[in-house]
N, C-alpha and C. Protein backbone atom coordinates (compact mmCIF):
# COMPACT_ATOMS: atom_id res chain seq x y z
N MET A 1 0.89 -1.02 0.34
CA MET A 1 0.22 0.06 -0.18
C MET A 1 1.00 1.33 0.09
N LEU A 2 0.60 2.32 -0.82
CA LEU A 2 1.40 3.35 -0.78
C LEU A 2 0.98 4.37 0.27
N LYS A 3 2.34 5.08 1.10
CA LYS A 3 1.87 6.23 1.84
C LYS A 3 2.05 7.18 1.54
N THR A 4 1.03 7.88 1.82
CA THR A 4 0.79 9.48 1.59
C THR A 4 0.44 10.04 2.77
N LYS A 5 0.51 11.75 2.68
CA LYS A 5 0.47 12.35 3.69
C LYS A 5 -1.08 12.63 3.96
N TYR A 6 -1.94 12.18 2.93
CA TYR A 6 -3.44 12.31 3.01
C TYR A 6 -4.11 10.97 4.06
N LYS A 7 -4.91 11.07 4.51
CA LYS A 7 -5.73 9.93 4.83
C LYS A 7 -7.11 10.28 4.95
N ILE A 8 -7.93 9.05 4.41
CA ILE A 8 -9.53 9.07 4.44
C ILE A 8 -9.84 9.13 5.85
N ALA A 9 -10.66 10.07 6.20
CA ALA A 9 -11.44 10.44 7.66
C ALA A 9 -12.12 8.95 7.84
N ASP A 10 -11.77 8.63 9.28
CA ASP A 10 -12.85 7.79 9.63
C ASP A 10 -14.26 8.13 10.54
N THR A 11 -14.35 9.60 10.60
CA THR A 11 -15.29 10.10 11.56
C THR A 11 -16.50 10.67 10.69
N GLY A 12 -16.17 10.90 9.48
CA GLY A 12 -17.44 11.37 8.36
C GLY A 12 -16.88 12.52 7.93
N CYS A 13 -17.86 12.91 6.99
CA CYS A 13 -17.64 13.96 6.40
C CYS A 13 -17.48 15.20 7.25
N GLN A 14 -16.33 16.12 6.68
CA GLN A 14 -15.80 17.40 7.32
C GLN A 14 -17.07 18.73 7.20
N ILE A 15 -17.46 18.34 6.40
CA ILE A 15 -18.80 19.49 6.05
C ILE A 15 -20.18 19.02 6.48
N CYS A 16 -20.57 17.84 6.41
CA CYS A 16 -21.75 17.39 7.01
C CYS A 16 -21.37 16.84 8.15
N HIS A 17 -20.59 15.87 8.50
CA HIS A 17 -19.94 15.06 9.60
C HIS A 17 -20.90 13.50 9.46
N ASN A 18 -21.50 13.37 8.32
CA ASN A 18 -22.19 11.98 8.05
C ASN A 18 -21.03 10.92 8.29
N PRO A 19 -21.31 9.93 9.21
CA PRO A 19 -20.37 8.78 8.67
C PRO A 19 -20.42 8.07 7.52
N GLY A 20 -19.15 7.73 6.84
CA GLY A 20 -19.18 7.29 5.84
C GLY A 20 -19.34 8.30 4.54
N MET A 21 -19.62 9.30 4.80
CA MET A 21 -20.11 10.32 3.63
C MET A 21 -18.67 10.67 3.02
N ASP A 22 -17.69 10.82 3.66
CA ASP A 22 -16.38 11.09 3.15
C ASP A 22 -15.99 10.15 2.14
N ARG A 23 -16.29 8.68 2.64
CA ARG A 23 -15.72 7.72 1.57
C ARG A 23 -16.67 7.67 0.13
N MET A 24 -17.96 7.96 0.35
CA MET A 24 -18.68 8.37 -1.01
C MET A 24 -18.35 9.29 -1.54
N LEU A 25 -17.67 10.49 -0.83
CA LEU A 25 -17.39 11.66 -1.95
C LEU A 25 -16.15 11.61 -2.35
N GLY A 26 -15.14 10.76 -1.74
CA GLY A 26 -13.92 10.27 -2.02
C GLY A 26 -12.93 11.77 -1.39
N GLN A 27 -13.51 12.17 -0.22
CA GLN A 27 -12.46 13.31 0.42
C GLN A 27 -11.28 12.81 0.85
N LYS A 28 -10.25 13.48 0.83
CA LYS A 28 -9.00 13.25 1.39
C LYS A 28 -8.58 14.48 2.62
N ILE A 29 -8.49 14.05 3.55
CA ILE A 29 -8.03 15.03 4.64
C ILE A 29 -6.58 15.25 4.69
N HIS A 30 -6.05 16.60 4.92
CA HIS A 30 -4.84 16.77 4.64
C HIS A 30 -4.59 17.34 5.91
N ARG A 31 -3.59 16.89 6.69
CA ARG A 31 -3.20 17.15 8.29
C ARG A 31 -2.43 18.40 8.14
N THR A 32 -2.93 19.51 8.38
CA THR A 32 -1.87 20.81 8.45
C THR A 32 -1.10 20.86 9.42
N SER A 33 0.13 21.03 9.43
CA SER A 33 1.39 20.87 10.29
C SER A 33 1.28 22.59 10.74
N LYS A 34 2.17 22.43 11.76
CA LYS A 34 2.27 23.56 12.61
C LYS A 34 3.12 24.79 11.77
N SER A 35 3.88 23.99 10.99
CA SER A 35 4.94 24.97 9.91
C SER A 35 3.86 25.51 9.01
N ASP A 36 3.03 24.61 8.58
CA ASP A 36 2.18 25.24 7.55
C ASP A 36 1.43 26.64 7.95
N ILE A 37 0.82 26.25 8.88
CA ILE A 37 -0.05 27.36 9.86
C ILE A 37 0.45 28.63 9.85
N ARG A 38 1.96 28.26 10.58
CA ARG A 38 2.65 29.52 11.00
C ARG A 38 3.18 30.33 9.59
N LYS A 39 3.30 29.57 8.57
CA LYS A 39 3.48 30.36 7.16
C LYS A 39 2.21 31.37 6.97
N ILE A 40 0.99 30.51 6.92
CA ILE A 40 -0.28 31.38 6.87
C ILE A 40 -0.06 32.53 7.69
N THR A 41 -0.40 32.59 8.73
CA THR A 41 -0.44 33.24 10.14
C THR A 41 0.70 34.48 9.88
N SER A 42 1.85 34.22 9.84
CA SER A 42 3.05 35.10 9.52
C SER A 42 3.02 36.00 8.07
N SER A 43 2.28 35.61 7.00
CA SER A 43 2.17 36.16 5.89
C SER A 43 1.15 37.31 6.11
N ALA A 44 0.63 37.67 7.21
CA ALA A 44 -0.50 38.68 7.71
C ALA A 44 0.66 40.18 7.77
N ARG A 45 1.69 39.77 8.23
CA ARG A 45 2.52 40.92 8.56
C ARG A 45 2.66 41.89 7.25
N GLY A 46 2.26 43.28 7.75
CA GLY A 46 2.46 44.40 6.66
C GLY A 46 1.19 44.30 5.67
N GLU A 47 0.42 43.38 5.54
CA GLU A 47 -0.65 43.59 4.61
C GLU A 47 -1.63 44.24 5.09
N SER A 48 -2.58 44.88 4.02
CA SER A 48 -3.58 45.61 4.20
C SER A 48 -4.82 44.61 4.70
N CYS A 49 -5.85 45.39 5.45
CA CYS A 49 -6.87 44.79 6.01
C CYS A 49 -7.62 44.02 5.00
N GLN A 50 -8.35 43.11 4.92
CA GLN A 50 -9.12 42.26 3.73
C GLN A 50 -10.69 42.64 4.44
N ILE A 51 -11.23 42.44 5.52
CA ILE A 51 -12.39 42.70 5.94
C ILE A 51 -13.00 43.91 5.76
N ARG A 52 -12.38 45.23 6.10
CA ARG A 52 -12.81 46.46 5.33
C ARG A 52 -14.03 47.00 6.05
N LEU A 53 -14.29 46.47 7.05
CA LEU A 53 -15.76 47.13 8.03
C LEU A 53 -15.43 48.57 7.90
N PRO A 54 -16.65 49.31 8.27
CA PRO A 54 -16.93 50.63 8.03
C PRO A 54 -15.77 51.43 9.25
N ASP A 55 -15.60 50.61 10.14
CA ASP A 55 -14.59 51.44 11.31
C ASP A 55 -13.17 50.81 11.10
N CYS A 56 -12.80 50.40 9.97
CA CYS A 56 -11.45 49.97 9.71
C CYS A 56 -10.50 50.91 9.87
N CYS A 57 -9.34 50.46 10.60
CA CYS A 57 -8.26 51.47 10.86
C CYS A 57 -7.30 51.26 9.71
N HIS A 58 -7.19 50.63 8.81
CA HIS A 58 -6.42 50.39 7.53
C HIS A 58 -4.87 50.59 7.96
N ASP A 59 -4.36 49.93 9.34
CA ASP A 59 -3.08 50.09 9.51
C ASP A 59 -2.56 48.85 9.37
N PRO A 60 -1.31 48.59 8.07
CA PRO A 60 -1.01 47.13 7.92
C PRO A 60 -0.02 46.88 9.20
N GLU A 61 0.45 47.61 9.88
CA GLU A 61 1.10 47.30 11.15
C GLU A 61 0.21 46.52 12.08
N THR A 62 -0.98 46.64 12.22
CA THR A 62 -1.60 46.03 12.96
C THR A 62 -2.40 44.58 12.63
N THR A 63 -2.16 44.46 11.11
CA THR A 63 -2.73 43.40 10.62
C THR A 63 -2.54 41.85 11.02
N VAL A 64 -3.24 40.97 11.50
CA VAL A 64 -2.95 39.39 11.66
C VAL A 64 -3.88 38.65 10.66
N PHE A 65 -3.58 37.73 10.96
CA PHE A 65 -4.46 36.64 10.20
C PHE A 65 -5.44 36.11 11.17
N ALA A 66 -6.80 36.67 11.04
CA ALA A 66 -8.00 36.29 11.71
C ALA A 66 -8.70 35.11 11.43
N HIS A 67 -8.68 34.06 12.12
CA HIS A 67 -9.11 32.96 11.67
C HIS A 67 -10.93 33.15 11.64
N LEU A 68 -11.28 32.27 10.91
CA LEU A 68 -12.83 32.70 10.69
C LEU A 68 -13.87 32.44 11.88
N SER A 69 -14.66 33.28 11.96
CA SER A 69 -15.39 33.47 13.46
C SER A 69 -16.08 32.31 13.85
N SER A 70 -16.96 31.70 12.66
CA SER A 70 -17.88 30.80 12.91
C SER A 70 -17.05 29.37 12.74
N LYS A 71 -16.96 29.01 14.11
CA LYS A 71 -16.20 27.86 14.63
C LYS A 71 -17.08 26.28 14.08
N ARG A 72 -18.40 26.40 13.94
CA ARG A 72 -18.99 25.49 13.20
C ARG A 72 -18.71 25.09 12.03
N LEU A 73 -18.33 25.84 11.16
CA LEU A 73 -17.73 25.81 9.74
C LEU A 73 -16.77 25.02 9.78
N ILE A 74 -15.72 25.24 10.33
CA ILE A 74 -14.13 25.08 10.08
C ILE A 74 -13.79 23.98 11.51
N GLY A 75 -14.62 23.72 12.41
CA GLY A 75 -14.20 23.22 13.46
C GLY A 75 -13.58 24.14 14.64
N GLY A 76 -12.83 23.39 15.43
CA GLY A 76 -12.66 24.31 16.68
C GLY A 76 -13.51 24.73 17.68
N GLY A 77 -13.51 26.02 18.61
CA GLY A 77 -14.38 25.93 19.60
C GLY A 77 -13.44 27.08 20.71
N THR A 78 -13.78 26.98 21.69
CA THR A 78 -13.37 27.81 22.70
C THR A 78 -11.84 27.22 22.85
N ALA A 79 -10.70 28.74 22.63
CA ALA A 79 -9.33 28.47 22.94
C ALA A 79 -8.97 27.56 21.89
N THR A 80 -9.39 26.67 20.79
CA THR A 80 -8.65 26.31 19.57
C THR A 80 -9.16 27.13 18.15
N LYS A 81 -8.14 26.98 17.49
CA LYS A 81 -8.43 27.67 15.99
C LYS A 81 -9.21 27.07 14.92
N GLY A 82 -9.30 25.70 15.16
CA GLY A 82 -9.83 24.85 14.04
C GLY A 82 -8.83 25.10 12.64
N LYS A 83 -9.24 24.91 11.50
CA LYS A 83 -8.49 25.02 10.25
C LYS A 83 -8.10 26.31 10.02
N PRO A 84 -6.94 26.37 8.99
CA PRO A 84 -6.27 27.98 8.80
C PRO A 84 -7.22 28.22 7.97
N ILE A 85 -8.36 28.91 8.25
CA ILE A 85 -9.22 29.54 7.17
C ILE A 85 -9.60 30.84 7.97
N GLY A 86 -9.31 31.74 7.23
CA GLY A 86 -9.73 33.29 7.78
C GLY A 86 -9.09 34.21 6.60
N SER A 87 -8.79 35.33 7.50
CA SER A 87 -8.67 36.63 6.71
C SER A 87 -7.53 37.51 7.09
N TYR A 88 -6.87 38.12 6.57
CA TYR A 88 -5.76 39.27 7.08
C TYR A 88 -7.13 40.36 7.48
N ALA A 89 -6.60 40.83 8.79
CA ALA A 89 -7.71 41.57 9.61
C ALA A 89 -6.91 42.59 10.51
N CYS A 90 -7.50 43.69 10.31
CA CYS A 90 -6.60 45.22 11.09
C CYS A 90 -6.90 44.87 12.60
N HIS A 91 -6.43 45.30 13.73
CA HIS A 91 -7.00 45.16 14.97
C HIS A 91 -8.28 45.63 15.24
N ARG A 92 -8.84 46.59 14.61
CA ARG A 92 -10.32 47.07 15.04
C ARG A 92 -11.35 46.04 14.28
N CYS A 93 -11.15 45.58 13.14
CA CYS A 93 -11.74 44.66 12.39
C CYS A 93 -11.79 43.32 13.12
N HIS A 94 -10.52 43.15 13.27
CA HIS A 94 -10.33 41.62 14.28
C HIS A 94 -11.18 41.49 15.54
N ASP A 95 -11.23 42.75 16.25
CA ASP A 95 -11.75 42.65 17.53
C ASP A 95 -13.34 42.79 17.39
N LEU A 96 -14.10 43.35 16.38
CA LEU A 96 -15.41 43.50 16.02
C LEU A 96 -15.66 41.96 15.59
N ILE A 97 -15.15 41.39 14.69
CA ILE A 97 -15.60 40.01 14.20
C ILE A 97 -15.50 38.86 15.56
N ASP A 98 -14.42 39.10 16.38
CA ASP A 98 -14.18 38.25 17.43
C ASP A 98 -15.25 38.69 18.43
N GLY A 99 -16.08 39.52 18.66
CA GLY A 99 -17.00 40.36 19.81
C GLY A 99 -16.26 41.14 20.75
N ARG A 100 -14.98 41.34 20.68
CA ARG A 100 -14.41 42.32 21.69
C ARG A 100 -14.90 43.57 21.81
N ILE A 101 -15.54 44.24 20.72
CA ILE A 101 -16.15 45.42 20.55
C ILE A 101 -17.41 45.23 20.01
N LYS A 102 -18.22 46.00 20.86
CA LYS A 102 -19.88 45.76 20.50
C LYS A 102 -20.14 46.97 19.38
N SER A 103 -20.93 47.05 18.34
CA SER A 103 -21.37 47.31 17.29
C SER A 103 -22.88 47.14 17.05
N ASP A 104 -23.32 48.30 16.47
CA ASP A 104 -24.65 48.41 15.97
C ASP A 104 -25.24 47.75 14.62
N LEU A 105 -23.94 47.22 13.95
CA LEU A 105 -23.80 46.54 12.64
C LEU A 105 -24.53 45.22 12.65
N ASP A 106 -25.38 45.05 11.60
CA ASP A 106 -26.01 43.79 11.43
C ASP A 106 -24.97 42.49 11.45
N PRO A 107 -25.13 41.69 12.35
CA PRO A 107 -24.25 40.54 12.43
C PRO A 107 -24.30 39.74 11.18
N GLU A 108 -25.27 39.46 10.70
CA GLU A 108 -25.29 38.86 9.04
C GLU A 108 -24.60 39.88 8.15
N TRP A 109 -24.57 40.98 8.22
CA TRP A 109 -23.89 41.54 7.08
C TRP A 109 -22.45 41.69 7.55
N VAL A 110 -21.89 41.55 8.79
CA VAL A 110 -20.47 41.40 9.35
C VAL A 110 -19.97 40.37 8.53
N TRP A 111 -20.80 38.91 9.04
CA TRP A 111 -20.44 37.74 8.55
C TRP A 111 -20.28 37.78 6.90
N GLN A 112 -21.10 38.16 6.34
CA GLN A 112 -20.78 38.25 4.69
C GLN A 112 -19.47 38.99 4.43
N ILE A 113 -19.24 40.21 4.88
CA ILE A 113 -18.22 40.83 4.80
C ILE A 113 -17.01 40.20 5.36
N GLU A 114 -17.00 39.47 6.25
CA GLU A 114 -15.97 38.54 6.96
C GLU A 114 -15.48 37.69 5.94
N LEU A 115 -16.39 36.96 5.30
CA LEU A 115 -16.32 35.83 4.02
C LEU A 115 -15.80 36.40 2.98
N GLU A 116 -16.21 37.64 2.46
CA GLU A 116 -15.55 38.34 1.20
C GLU A 116 -14.31 38.39 1.45
N GLY A 117 -13.88 39.01 3.02
CA GLY A 117 -12.34 39.07 3.30
C GLY A 117 -11.66 37.71 3.15
N CYS A 118 -12.08 36.69 3.54
CA CYS A 118 -11.65 35.31 3.64
C CYS A 118 -10.94 35.12 2.27
N ILE A 119 -12.14 35.36 1.23
CA ILE A 119 -11.94 34.92 0.02
C ILE A 119 -10.92 35.67 -0.72
N ARG A 120 -10.86 37.12 -0.44
CA ARG A 120 -9.64 37.88 -0.96
C ARG A 120 -8.59 37.37 -0.08
N THR A 121 -8.22 37.18 1.06
CA THR A 121 -7.11 36.70 1.61
C THR A 121 -6.76 35.35 0.93
N ILE A 122 -7.58 34.40 0.75
CA ILE A 122 -7.28 33.12 -0.16
C ILE A 122 -6.69 33.92 -1.39
N ALA A 123 -7.38 34.68 -2.21
CA ALA A 123 -6.35 34.88 -3.40
C ALA A 123 -5.14 35.33 -3.20
N ILE A 124 -4.73 36.11 -2.29
CA ILE A 124 -3.35 36.67 -2.05
C ILE A 124 -2.45 35.51 -1.58
N LEU A 125 -2.89 34.38 -0.73
CA LEU A 125 -2.35 33.33 -0.42
C LEU A 125 -1.77 32.51 -1.83
N PHE A 126 -2.73 32.52 -2.46
CA PHE A 126 -2.27 31.81 -3.95
C PHE A 126 -1.56 32.74 -4.54
N ASP A 127 -1.41 34.08 -4.51
CA ASP A 127 -0.58 34.78 -5.17
C ASP A 127 0.96 34.68 -4.61
N LYS A 128 1.11 34.67 -3.47
CA LYS A 128 2.19 34.58 -2.69
C LYS A 128 2.89 33.05 -2.93
N GLY A 129 1.93 31.95 -3.33
CA GLY A 129 2.64 30.90 -3.38
C GLY A 129 2.66 30.04 -2.20
N ILE A 130 2.02 30.50 -1.17
CA ILE A 130 1.67 29.82 0.20
C ILE A 130 0.39 28.70 -0.30
N LEU A 131 -0.50 28.87 -0.55
CA LEU A 131 -1.55 28.22 -1.11
C LEU A 131 -1.21 27.80 -2.68
N ARG A 132 -1.34 26.45 -2.55
CA ARG A 132 -1.32 26.08 -4.24
C ARG A 132 -2.23 24.65 -4.25
N ILE A 133 -2.50 24.53 -5.07
CA ILE A 133 -3.28 23.15 -5.61
C ILE A 133 -2.33 22.01 -6.05
N ALA A 134 -2.50 20.92 -5.41
CA ALA A 134 -1.44 20.00 -5.54
C ALA A 134 -1.95 19.03 -6.92
């Protein structure tokens, strides 16, 4: 049997969590190493905020890689980050999406803006060669 860094998940589909669905869909799960995650998170240094909420400070010096706030979509939970999916965010946008700053902005609209920022960040990560299709 050929050894590979991919493994068929035994616990079910990553999307719907149905047992056996991963085998039906033929999904392969890549175990992300800490060095892979470090490359993604450190790539945010000096980048512009991709979330761009109305109160965005647009300060590249405060930009970090902000993991997607909806843990139900990407795994994780309290004190865990889940998969390295997220966006470059300035401190003000990051605080708002993580709930450290209260706002009268519609939460559904903020979620949509966060997803748009995530897509822009993924495009940047492809441009930088950090993400690639194997």
